[in-house]
Amino acid sequence: MSVSVNLPTVLRVHAGGTKTVEAEGATVGEALRDLEAKYPGLVGQVINDEGALHKFVNVYVNDDDVRYLSSLDTPLGPSDEISILPAVAGGAVDQSGFPGEAA
């Protein structure tokens, strides 16, 4: 079955700048393998060498994080949409507090 996959800006270079692409598969993993066949290099940014999702990439089916479902084995339905998002992490707060805040 075909599903839409929304790509973040950083991954669009692998898909010719396209924001949304189509993938075939009954599971998230199958759809990602299909994307790799169509757009070499894209999935290497999403899946690590052990075959799991990279730590700082989030994959959603509709509004649900696949890490809380069945990860790459999450089944897909005909109206499902996959979204790949880079995780936002990091940063540090200076010990004196936030800018403009009295210490």
PDB file of N, CA and C in Angstrom:
ATOM      1  N   MET A   1       0.837  -1.167   0.000  1.00  0.00           N
ATOM      2  CA  MET A   1       0.000   0.000   0.000  1.00  0.00           C
ATOM      3  C   MET A   1       0.883   1.231   0.000  1.00  0.00           C
ATOM      4  N   SER A   2       0.396   2.297  -0.550  1.00  0.00           N
ATOM      5  CA  SER A   2       1.148   3.538  -0.668  1.00  0.00           C
ATOM      6  C   SER A   2       0.768   4.494   0.459  1.00  0.00           C
ATOM      7  N   VAL A   3       1.780   5.108   1.057  1.00  0.00           N
ATOM      8  CA  VAL A   3       1.557   6.109   2.097  1.00  0.00           C
ATOM      9  C   VAL A   3       2.381   7.351   1.766  1.00  0.00           C
ATOM     10  N   SER A   4       1.939   8.482   2.272  1.00  0.00           N
ATOM     11  CA  SER A   4       2.689   9.733   2.123  1.00  0.00           C
ATOM     12  C   SER A   4       3.710   9.828   3.243  1.00  0.00           C
ATOM     13  N   VAL A   5       4.891  10.337   2.896  1.00  0.00           N
ATOM     14  CA  VAL A   5       5.947  10.523   3.882  1.00  0.00           C
ATOM     15  C   VAL A   5       6.378  11.991   3.819  1.00  0.00           C
ATOM     16  N   ASN A   6       6.234  12.692   4.936  1.00  0.00           N
ATOM     17  CA  ASN A   6       6.656  14.091   5.039  1.00  0.00           C
ATOM     18  C   ASN A   6       8.111  14.140   5.484  1.00  0.00           C
ATOM     19  N   LEU A   7       8.924  14.845   4.716  1.00  0.00           N
ATOM     20  CA  LEU A   7      10.351  14.924   4.998  1.00  0.00           C
ATOM     21  C   LEU A   7      10.723  16.275   5.594  1.00  0.00           C
ATOM     22  N   PRO A   8      11.624  16.277   6.583  1.00  0.00           N
ATOM     23  CA  PRO A   8      12.116  17.558   7.093  1.00  0.00           C
ATOM     24  C   PRO A   8      13.064  18.175   6.060  1.00  0.00           C
ATOM     25  N   THR A   9      13.272  19.454   6.158  1.00  0.00           N
ATOM     26  CA  THR A   9      14.116  20.174   5.210  1.00  0.00           C
ATOM     27  C   THR A   9      15.472  19.509   5.035  1.00  0.00           C
ATOM     28  N   VAL A  10      16.074  19.062   6.101  1.00  0.00           N
ATOM     29  CA  VAL A  10      17.421  18.484   6.045  1.00  0.00           C
ATOM     30  C   VAL A  10      17.479  17.199   5.205  1.00  0.00           C
ATOM     31  N   LEU A  11      16.381  16.476   5.078  1.00  0.00           N
ATOM     32  CA  LEU A  11      16.374  15.237   4.293  1.00  0.00           C
ATOM     33  C   LEU A  11      15.879  15.423   2.863  1.00  0.00           C
ATOM     34  N   ARG A  12      15.317  16.572   2.561  1.00  0.00           N
ATOM     35  CA  ARG A  12      14.759  16.797   1.224  1.00  0.00           C
ATOM     36  C   ARG A  12      15.815  16.777   0.135  1.00  0.00           C
ATOM     37  N   VAL A  13      17.053  17.040   0.475  1.00  0.00           N
ATOM     38  CA  VAL A  13      18.136  16.997  -0.514  1.00  0.00           C
ATOM     39  C   VAL A  13      18.225  15.618  -1.164  1.00  0.00           C
ATOM     40  N   HIS A  14      17.887  14.576  -0.425  1.00  0.00           N
ATOM     41  CA  HIS A  14      17.924  13.207  -0.950  1.00  0.00           C
ATOM     42  C   HIS A  14      16.764  12.922  -1.894  1.00  0.00           C
ATOM     43  N   ALA A  15      15.715  13.737  -1.824  1.00  0.00           N
ATOM     44  CA  ALA A  15      14.510  13.520  -2.632  1.00  0.00           C
ATOM     45  C   ALA A  15      14.293  14.667  -3.616  1.00  0.00           C
ATOM     46  N   GLY A  16      15.382  15.289  -4.039  1.00  0.00           N
ATOM     47  CA  GLY A  16      15.277  16.363  -5.017  1.00  0.00           C
ATOM     48  C   GLY A  16      14.553  17.592  -4.509  1.00  0.00           C
ATOM     49  N   GLY A  17      14.561  17.808  -3.194  1.00  0.00           N
ATOM     50  CA  GLY A  17      13.929  18.976  -2.599  1.00  0.00           C
ATOM     51  C   GLY A  17      12.452  18.819  -2.301  1.00  0.00           C
ATOM     52  N   THR A  18      11.915  17.636  -2.553  1.00  0.00           N
ATOM     53  CA  THR A  18      10.491  17.386  -2.358  1.00  0.00           C
ATOM     54  C   THR A  18      10.135  17.283  -0.879  1.00  0.00           C
ATOM     55  N   LYS A  19       9.035  17.933  -0.488  1.00  0.00           N
ATOM     56  CA  LYS A  19       8.578  17.924   0.897  1.00  0.00           C
ATOM     57  C   LYS A  19       7.864  16.628   1.259  1.00  0.00           C
ATOM     58  N   THR A  20       7.064  16.093   0.345  1.00  0.00           N
ATOM     59  CA  THR A  20       6.292  14.876   0.591  1.00  0.00           C
ATOM     60  C   THR A  20       6.537  13.892  -0.537  1.00  0.00           C
ATOM     61  N   VAL A  21       6.840  12.646  -0.169  1.00  0.00           N
ATOM     62  CA  VAL A  21       7.069  11.581  -1.145  1.00  0.00           C
ATOM     63  C   VAL A  21       6.146  10.414  -0.829  1.00  0.00           C
ATOM     64  N   GLU A  22       6.005   9.515  -1.766  1.00  0.00           N
ATOM     65  CA  GLU A  22       5.178   8.320  -1.571  1.00  0.00           C
ATOM     66  C   GLU A  22       6.089   7.120  -1.327  1.00  0.00           C
ATOM     67  N   ALA A  23       5.639   6.225  -0.460  1.00  0.00           N
ATOM     68  CA  ALA A  23       6.380   4.992  -0.181  1.00  0.00           C
ATOM     69  C   ALA A  23       5.396   3.833  -0.127  1.00  0.00           C
ATOM     70  N   GLU A  24       5.885   2.671  -0.476  1.00  0.00           N
ATOM     71  CA  GLU A  24       5.084   1.444  -0.433  1.00  0.00           C
ATOM     72  C   GLU A  24       5.529   0.608   0.759  1.00  0.00           C
ATOM     73  N   GLY A  25       4.568   0.010   1.464  1.00  0.00           N
ATOM     74  CA  GLY A  25       4.916  -0.890   2.541  1.00  0.00           C
ATOM     75  C   GLY A  25       3.757  -1.114   3.490  1.00  0.00           C
ATOM     76  N   ALA A  26       3.753  -2.279   4.110  1.00  0.00           N
ATOM     77  CA  ALA A  26       2.721  -2.624   5.087  1.00  0.00           C
ATOM     78  C   ALA A  26       3.112  -2.188   6.489  1.00  0.00           C
ATOM     79  N   THR A  27       4.409  -1.870   6.689  1.00  0.00           N
ATOM     80  CA  THR A  27       4.900  -1.405   7.979  1.00  0.00           C
ATOM     81  C   THR A  27       5.782  -0.182   7.754  1.00  0.00           C
ATOM     82  N   VAL A  28       6.101   0.510   8.825  1.00  0.00           N
ATOM     83  CA  VAL A  28       6.995   1.666   8.733  1.00  0.00           C
ATOM     84  C   VAL A  28       8.353   1.231   8.179  1.00  0.00           C
ATOM     85  N   GLY A  29       8.876   0.117   8.652  1.00  0.00           N
ATOM     86  CA  GLY A  29      10.170  -0.370   8.166  1.00  0.00           C
ATOM     87  C   GLY A  29      10.161  -0.661   6.671  1.00  0.00           C
ATOM     88  N   GLU A  30       9.085  -1.291   6.188  1.00  0.00           N
ATOM     89  CA  GLU A  30       8.979  -1.582   4.757  1.00  0.00           C
ATOM     90  C   GLU A  30       8.907  -0.289   3.950  1.00  0.00           C
ATOM     91  N   ALA A  31       8.161   0.681   4.449  1.00  0.00           N
ATOM     92  CA  ALA A  31       8.051   1.962   3.746  1.00  0.00           C
ATOM     93  C   ALA A  31       9.407   2.665   3.702  1.00  0.00           C
ATOM     94  N   LEU A  32      10.169   2.603   4.791  1.00  0.00           N
ATOM     95  CA  LEU A  32      11.485   3.227   4.791  1.00  0.00           C
ATOM     96  C   LEU A  32      12.447   2.509   3.852  1.00  0.00           C
ATOM     97  N   ARG A  33      12.360   1.197   3.777  1.00  0.00           N
ATOM     98  CA  ARG A  33      13.205   0.460   2.818  1.00  0.00           C
ATOM     99  C   ARG A  33      12.842   0.842   1.381  1.00  0.00           C
ATOM    100  N   ASP A  34      11.566   1.039   1.116  1.00  0.00           N
ATOM    101  CA  ASP A  34      11.136   1.481  -0.206  1.00  0.00           C
ATOM    102  C   ASP A  34      11.697   2.870  -0.506  1.00  0.00           C
ATOM    103  N   LEU A  35      11.688   3.749   0.487  1.00  0.00           N
ATOM    104  CA  LEU A  35      12.261   5.082   0.290  1.00  0.00           C
ATOM    105  C   LEU A  35      13.750   5.001  -0.015  1.00  0.00           C
ATOM    106  N   GLU A  36      14.445   4.111   0.661  1.00  0.00           N
ATOM    107  CA  GLU A  36      15.893   3.971   0.419  1.00  0.00           C
ATOM    108  C   GLU A  36      16.155   3.525  -1.010  1.00  0.00           C
ATOM    109  N   ALA A  37      15.310   2.647  -1.545  1.00  0.00           N
ATOM    110  CA  ALA A  37      15.466   2.193  -2.932  1.00  0.00           C
ATOM    111  C   ALA A  37      15.225   3.346  -3.907  1.00  0.00           C
ATOM    112  N   LYS A  38      14.282   4.216  -3.576  1.00  0.00           N
ATOM    113  CA  LYS A  38      13.947   5.341  -4.446  1.00  0.00           C
ATOM    114  C   LYS A  38      14.895   6.523  -4.269  1.00  0.00           C
ATOM    115  N   TYR A  39      15.337   6.751  -3.046  1.00  0.00           N
ATOM    116  CA  TYR A  39      16.151   7.917  -2.705  1.00  0.00           C
ATOM    117  C   TYR A  39      17.360   7.478  -1.866  1.00  0.00           C
ATOM    118  N   PRO A  40      18.373   6.920  -2.512  1.00  0.00           N
ATOM    119  CA  PRO A  40      19.543   6.425  -1.777  1.00  0.00           C
ATOM    120  C   PRO A  40      20.134   7.486  -0.842  1.00  0.00           C
ATOM    121  N   GLY A  41      20.459   7.042   0.358  1.00  0.00           N
ATOM    122  CA  GLY A  41      21.060   7.916   1.356  1.00  0.00           C
ATOM    123  C   GLY A  41      20.061   8.491   2.342  1.00  0.00           C
ATOM    124  N   LEU A  42      18.809   8.545   1.978  1.00  0.00           N
ATOM    125  CA  LEU A  42      17.810   9.148   2.847  1.00  0.00           C
ATOM    126  C   LEU A  42      17.641   8.350   4.138  1.00  0.00           C
ATOM    127  N   VAL A  43      17.457   7.073   4.032  1.00  0.00           N
ATOM    128  CA  VAL A  43      17.140   6.261   5.210  1.00  0.00           C
ATOM    129  C   VAL A  43      18.333   6.114   6.149  1.00  0.00           C
ATOM    130  N   GLY A  44      19.536   6.246   5.628  1.00  0.00           N
ATOM    131  CA  GLY A  44      20.717   6.212   6.493  1.00  0.00           C
ATOM    132  C   GLY A  44      20.720   7.335   7.511  1.00  0.00           C
ATOM    133  N   GLN A  45      19.948   8.367   7.233  1.00  0.00           N
ATOM    134  CA  GLN A  45      19.807   9.475   8.174  1.00  0.00           C
ATOM    135  C   GLN A  45      18.732   9.202   9.228  1.00  0.00           C
ATOM    136  N   VAL A  46      17.952   8.147   9.022  1.00  0.00           N
ATOM    137  CA  VAL A  46      16.827   7.837   9.905  1.00  0.00           C
ATOM    138  C   VAL A  46      17.079   6.566  10.716  1.00  0.00           C
ATOM    139  N   ILE A  47      17.731   5.592  10.081  1.00  0.00           N
ATOM    140  CA  ILE A  47      17.974   4.284  10.709  1.00  0.00           C
ATOM    141  C   ILE A  47      19.478   4.110  10.924  1.00  0.00           C
ATOM    142  N   ASN A  48      19.871   3.617  12.081  1.00  0.00           N
ATOM    143  CA  ASN A  48      21.297   3.424  12.374  1.00  0.00           C
ATOM    144  C   ASN A  48      21.808   2.087  11.841  1.00  0.00           C
ATOM    145  N   ASP A  49      23.089   1.821  12.054  1.00  0.00           N
ATOM    146  CA  ASP A  49      23.718   0.596  11.543  1.00  0.00           C
ATOM    147  C   ASP A  49      23.134  -0.673  12.155  1.00  0.00           C
ATOM    148  N   GLU A  50      22.512  -0.552  13.317  1.00  0.00           N
ATOM    149  CA  GLU A  50      21.897  -1.712  13.976  1.00  0.00           C
ATOM    150  C   GLU A  50      20.466  -1.950  13.484  1.00  0.00           C
ATOM    151  N   GLY A  51      19.978  -1.075  12.611  1.00  0.00           N
ATOM    152  CA  GLY A  51      18.630  -1.243  12.070  1.00  0.00           C
ATOM    153  C   GLY A  51      17.532  -0.627  12.920  1.00  0.00           C
ATOM    154  N   ALA A  52      17.913   0.224  13.873  1.00  0.00           N
ATOM    155  CA  ALA A  52      16.932   0.901  14.728  1.00  0.00           C
ATOM    156  C   ALA A  52      16.878   2.383  14.357  1.00  0.00           C
ATOM    157  N   LEU A  53      15.867   3.056  14.826  1.00  0.00           N
ATOM    158  CA  LEU A  53      15.774   4.493  14.585  1.00  0.00           C
ATOM    159  C   LEU A  53      16.930   5.217  15.255  1.00  0.00           C
ATOM    160  N   HIS A  54      17.498   6.193  14.547  1.00  0.00           N
ATOM    161  CA  HIS A  54      18.519   7.042  15.160  1.00  0.00           C
ATOM    162  C   HIS A  54      17.925   7.727  16.386  1.00  0.00           C
ATOM    163  N   LYS A  55      18.766   7.980  17.358  1.00  0.00           N
ATOM    164  CA  LYS A  55      18.349   8.566  18.625  1.00  0.00           C
ATOM    165  C   LYS A  55      17.704   9.944  18.454  1.00  0.00           C
ATOM    166  N   PHE A  56      18.215  10.742  17.519  1.00  0.00           N
ATOM    167  CA  PHE A  56      17.732  12.113  17.385  1.00  0.00           C
ATOM    168  C   PHE A  56      16.842  12.321  16.163  1.00  0.00           C
ATOM    169  N   VAL A  57      16.104  11.276  15.797  1.00  0.00           N
ATOM    170  CA  VAL A  57      15.124  11.370  14.726  1.00  0.00           C
ATOM    171  C   VAL A  57      13.819  10.793  15.255  1.00  0.00           C
ATOM    172  N   ASN A  58      12.741  11.511  15.031  1.00  0.00           N
ATOM    173  CA  ASN A  58      11.430  11.029  15.444  1.00  0.00           C
ATOM    174  C   ASN A  58      10.616  10.677  14.211  1.00  0.00           C
ATOM    175  N   VAL A  59       9.943   9.545  14.274  1.00  0.00           N
ATOM    176  CA  VAL A  59       9.098   9.102  13.179  1.00  0.00           C
ATOM    177  C   VAL A  59       7.686   8.919  13.738  1.00  0.00           C
ATOM    178  N   TYR A  60       6.743   9.544  13.052  1.00  0.00           N
ATOM    179  CA  TYR A  60       5.350   9.489  13.466  1.00  0.00           C
ATOM    180  C   TYR A  60       4.505   8.849  12.379  1.00  0.00           C
ATOM    181  N   VAL A  61       3.515   8.070  12.788  1.00  0.00           N
ATOM    182  CA  VAL A  61       2.454   7.621  11.890  1.00  0.00           C
ATOM    183  C   VAL A  61       1.232   8.399  12.357  1.00  0.00           C
ATOM    184  N   ASN A  62       0.761   9.256  11.466  1.00  0.00           N
ATOM    185  CA  ASN A  62      -0.282  10.214  11.829  1.00  0.00           C
ATOM    186  C   ASN A  62       0.258  11.059  12.976  1.00  0.00           C
ATOM    187  N   ASP A  63      -0.307  11.032  14.139  1.00  0.00           N
ATOM    188  CA  ASP A  63       0.201  11.837  15.255  1.00  0.00           C
ATOM    189  C   ASP A  63       0.882  11.002  16.330  1.00  0.00           C
ATOM    190  N   ASP A  64       1.156   9.729  16.038  1.00  0.00           N
ATOM    191  CA  ASP A  64       1.705   8.830  17.045  1.00  0.00           C
ATOM    192  C   ASP A  64       3.168   8.504  16.784  1.00  0.00           C
ATOM    193  N   ASP A  65       4.000   8.699  17.805  1.00  0.00           N
ATOM    194  CA  ASP A  65       5.425   8.378  17.733  1.00  0.00           C
ATOM    195  C   ASP A  65       5.568   6.862  17.656  1.00  0.00           C
ATOM    196  N   VAL A  66       6.249   6.363  16.629  1.00  0.00           N
ATOM    197  CA  VAL A  66       6.350   4.907  16.450  1.00  0.00           C
ATOM    198  C   VAL A  66       7.145   4.242  17.557  1.00  0.00           C
ATOM    199  N   ARG A  67       7.948   4.997  18.297  1.00  0.00           N
ATOM    200  CA  ARG A  67       8.680   4.407  19.423  1.00  0.00           C
ATOM    201  C   ARG A  67       7.716   3.898  20.497  1.00  0.00           C
ATOM    202  N   TYR A  68       6.521   4.488  20.546  1.00  0.00           N
ATOM    203  CA  TYR A  68       5.518   4.080  21.533  1.00  0.00           C
ATOM    204  C   TYR A  68       4.490   3.129  20.937  1.00  0.00           C
ATOM    205  N   LEU A  69       4.686   2.777  19.688  1.00  0.00           N
ATOM    206  CA  LEU A  69       3.830   1.792  19.024  1.00  0.00           C
ATOM    207  C   LEU A  69       4.662   0.527  18.867  1.00  0.00           C
ATOM    208  N   SER A  70       4.912   0.118  17.646  1.00  0.00           N
ATOM    209  CA  SER A  70       5.732  -1.075  17.400  1.00  0.00           C
ATOM    210  C   SER A  70       6.986  -0.728  16.622  1.00  0.00           C
ATOM    211  N   SER A  71       7.472   0.494  16.805  1.00  0.00           N
ATOM    212  CA  SER A  71       8.678   0.991  16.149  1.00  0.00           C
ATOM    213  C   SER A  71       8.604   0.747  14.639  1.00  0.00           C
ATOM    214  N   LEU A  72       9.617   0.137  14.057  1.00  0.00           N
ATOM    215  CA  LEU A  72       9.637  -0.081  12.613  1.00  0.00           C
ATOM    216  C   LEU A  72       8.628  -1.129  12.161  1.00  0.00           C
ATOM    217  N   ASP A  73       8.104  -1.911  13.105  1.00  0.00           N
ATOM    218  CA  ASP A  73       7.088  -2.916  12.782  1.00  0.00           C
ATOM    219  C   ASP A  73       5.667  -2.351  12.857  1.00  0.00           C
ATOM    220  N   THR A  74       5.536  -1.054  13.103  1.00  0.00           N
ATOM    221  CA  THR A  74       4.222  -0.434  13.183  1.00  0.00           C
ATOM    222  C   THR A  74       3.490  -0.612  11.852  1.00  0.00           C
ATOM    223  N   PRO A  75       2.305  -1.202  11.895  1.00  0.00           N
ATOM    224  CA  PRO A  75       1.558  -1.412  10.644  1.00  0.00           C
ATOM    225  C   PRO A  75       1.023  -0.103  10.075  1.00  0.00           C
ATOM    226  N   LEU A  76       0.871  -0.078   8.770  1.00  0.00           N
ATOM    227  CA  LEU A  76       0.354   1.093   8.068  1.00  0.00           C
ATOM    228  C   LEU A  76      -0.977   0.775   7.410  1.00  0.00           C
ATOM    229  N   GLY A  77      -1.881   1.730   7.452  1.00  0.00           N
ATOM    230  CA  GLY A  77      -3.158   1.612   6.766  1.00  0.00           C
ATOM    231  C   GLY A  77      -3.165   2.510   5.535  1.00  0.00           C
ATOM    232  N   PRO A  78      -4.185   2.385   4.698  1.00  0.00           N
ATOM    233  CA  PRO A  78      -4.221   3.112   3.431  1.00  0.00           C
ATOM    234  C   PRO A  78      -4.273   4.635   3.564  1.00  0.00           C
ATOM    235  N   SER A  79      -4.762   5.145   4.673  1.00  0.00           N
ATOM    236  CA  SER A  79      -4.838   6.605   4.819  1.00  0.00           C
ATOM    237  C   SER A  79      -3.774   7.156   5.770  1.00  0.00           C
ATOM    238  N   ASP A  80      -2.832   6.319   6.179  1.00  0.00           N
ATOM    239  CA  ASP A  80      -1.799   6.757   7.120  1.00  0.00           C
ATOM    240  C   ASP A  80      -0.780   7.667   6.441  1.00  0.00           C
ATOM    241  N   GLU A  81      -0.163   8.495   7.274  1.00  0.00           N
ATOM    242  CA  GLU A  81       0.869   9.421   6.817  1.00  0.00           C
ATOM    243  C   GLU A  81       2.050   9.312   7.774  1.00  0.00           C
ATOM    244  N   ILE A  82       3.239   9.190   7.217  1.00  0.00           N
ATOM    245  CA  ILE A  82       4.459   9.128   8.022  1.00  0.00           C
ATOM    246  C   ILE A  82       5.097  10.506   8.001  1.00  0.00           C
ATOM    247  N   SER A  83       5.550  10.965   9.165  1.00  0.00           N
ATOM    248  CA  SER A  83       6.303  12.209   9.265  1.00  0.00           C
ATOM    249  C   SER A  83       7.629  11.896   9.935  1.00  0.00           C
ATOM    250  N   ILE A  84       8.696  12.366   9.318  1.00  0.00           N
ATOM    251  CA  ILE A  84      10.039  12.209   9.879  1.00  0.00           C
ATOM    252  C   ILE A  84      10.476  13.582  10.357  1.00  0.00           C
ATOM    253  N   LEU A  85      10.855  13.665  11.630  1.00  0.00           N
ATOM    254  CA  LEU A  85      11.251  14.943  12.210  1.00  0.00           C
ATOM    255  C   LEU A  85      12.560  14.808  12.961  1.00  0.00           C
ATOM    256  N   PRO A  86      13.472  15.748  12.769  1.00  0.00           N
ATOM    257  CA  PRO A  86      14.674  15.733  13.605  1.00  0.00           C
ATOM    258  C   PRO A  86      14.284  16.152  15.019  1.00  0.00           C
ATOM    259  N   ALA A  87      14.863  15.493  15.999  1.00  0.00           N
ATOM    260  CA  ALA A  87      14.572  15.843  17.392  1.00  0.00           C
ATOM    261  C   ALA A  87      15.303  17.128  17.749  1.00  0.00           C
ATOM    262  N   VAL A  88      14.697  17.907  18.596  1.00  0.00           N
ATOM    263  CA  VAL A  88      15.325  19.120  19.096  1.00  0.00           C
ATOM    264  C   VAL A  88      15.843  18.787  20.489  1.00  0.00           C
ATOM    265  N   ALA A  89      17.147  18.969  20.675  1.00  0.00           N
ATOM    266  CA  ALA A  89      17.744  18.615  21.955  1.00  0.00           C
ATOM    267  C   ALA A  89      18.931  19.530  22.226  1.00  0.00           C
ATOM    268  N   GLY A  90      19.375  19.498  23.452  1.00  0.00           N
ATOM    269  CA  GLY A  90      20.593  20.218  23.799  1.00  0.00           C
ATOM    270  C   GLY A  90      20.311  21.575  24.391  1.00  0.00           C
ATOM    271  N   GLY A  91      21.391  22.316  24.512  1.00  0.00           N
ATOM    272  CA  GLY A  91      21.303  23.643  25.104  1.00  0.00           C
ATOM    273  C   GLY A  91      21.698  23.596  26.561  1.00  0.00           C
ATOM    274  N   ALA A  92      22.118  24.712  27.040  1.00  0.00           N
ATOM    275  CA  ALA A  92      22.522  24.804  28.434  1.00  0.00           C
ATOM    276  C   ALA A  92      22.131  26.176  28.957  1.00  0.00           C
ATOM    277  N   VAL A  93      21.844  26.247  30.208  1.00  0.00           N
ATOM    278  CA  VAL A  93      21.512  27.514  30.846  1.00  0.00           C
ATOM    279  C   VAL A  93      22.723  27.961  31.634  1.00  0.00           C
ATOM    280  N   ASP A  94      23.140  29.193  31.391  1.00  0.00           N
ATOM    281  CA  ASP A  94      24.231  29.790  32.146  1.00  0.00           C
ATOM    282  C   ASP A  94      23.835  29.793  33.624  1.00  0.00           C
ATOM    283  N   GLN A  95      24.778  29.575  34.492  1.00  0.00           N
ATOM    284  CA  GLN A  95      24.482  29.517  35.926  1.00  0.00           C
ATOM    285  C   GLN A  95      23.864  30.805  36.443  1.00  0.00           C
ATOM    286  N   SER A  96      24.083  31.924  35.738  1.00  0.00           N
ATOM    287  CA  SER A  96      23.508  33.186  36.195  1.00  0.00           C
ATOM    288  C   SER A  96      22.041  33.317  35.819  1.00  0.00           C
ATOM    289  N   GLY A  97      21.514  32.394  35.036  1.00  0.00           N
ATOM    290  CA  GLY A  97      20.105  32.432  34.664  1.00  0.00           C
ATOM    291  C   GLY A  97      19.928  32.791  33.199  1.00  0.00           C
ATOM    292  N   PHE A  98      18.722  33.097  32.823  1.00  0.00           N
ATOM    293  CA  PHE A  98      18.395  33.433  31.449  1.00  0.00           C
ATOM    294  C   PHE A  98      18.804  34.872  31.156  1.00  0.00           C
ATOM    295  N   PRO A  99      19.094  35.181  29.882  1.00  0.00           N
ATOM    296  CA  PRO A  99      19.435  36.565  29.535  1.00  0.00           C
ATOM    297  C   PRO A  99      18.321  37.519  29.966  1.00  0.00           C
ATOM    298  N   GLY A 100      18.712  38.648  30.531  1.00  0.00           N
ATOM    299  CA  GLY A 100      17.730  39.635  30.969  1.00  0.00           C
ATOM    300  C   GLY A 100      17.129  39.344  32.330  1.00  0.00           C
ATOM    301  N   GLU A 101      17.521  38.232  32.914  1.00  0.00           N
ATOM    302  CA  GLU A 101      16.984  37.859  34.229  1.00  0.00           C
ATOM    303  C   GLU A 101      18.025  38.210  35.294  1.00  0.00           C
ATOM    304  N   ALA A 102      17.606  38.753  36.381  1.00  0.00           N
ATOM    305  CA  ALA A 102      18.534  39.090  37.467  1.00  0.00           C
ATOM    306  C   ALA A 102      19.126  37.825  38.041  1.00  0.00           C
ATOM    307  N   ALA A 103      20.413  37.869  38.336  1.00  0.00           N
ATOM    308  CA  ALA A 103      21.121  36.703  38.874  1.00  0.00           C
ATOM    309  C   ALA A 103      20.806  36.504  40.340  1.00  0.00           C
TER     310      ALA A 103
END
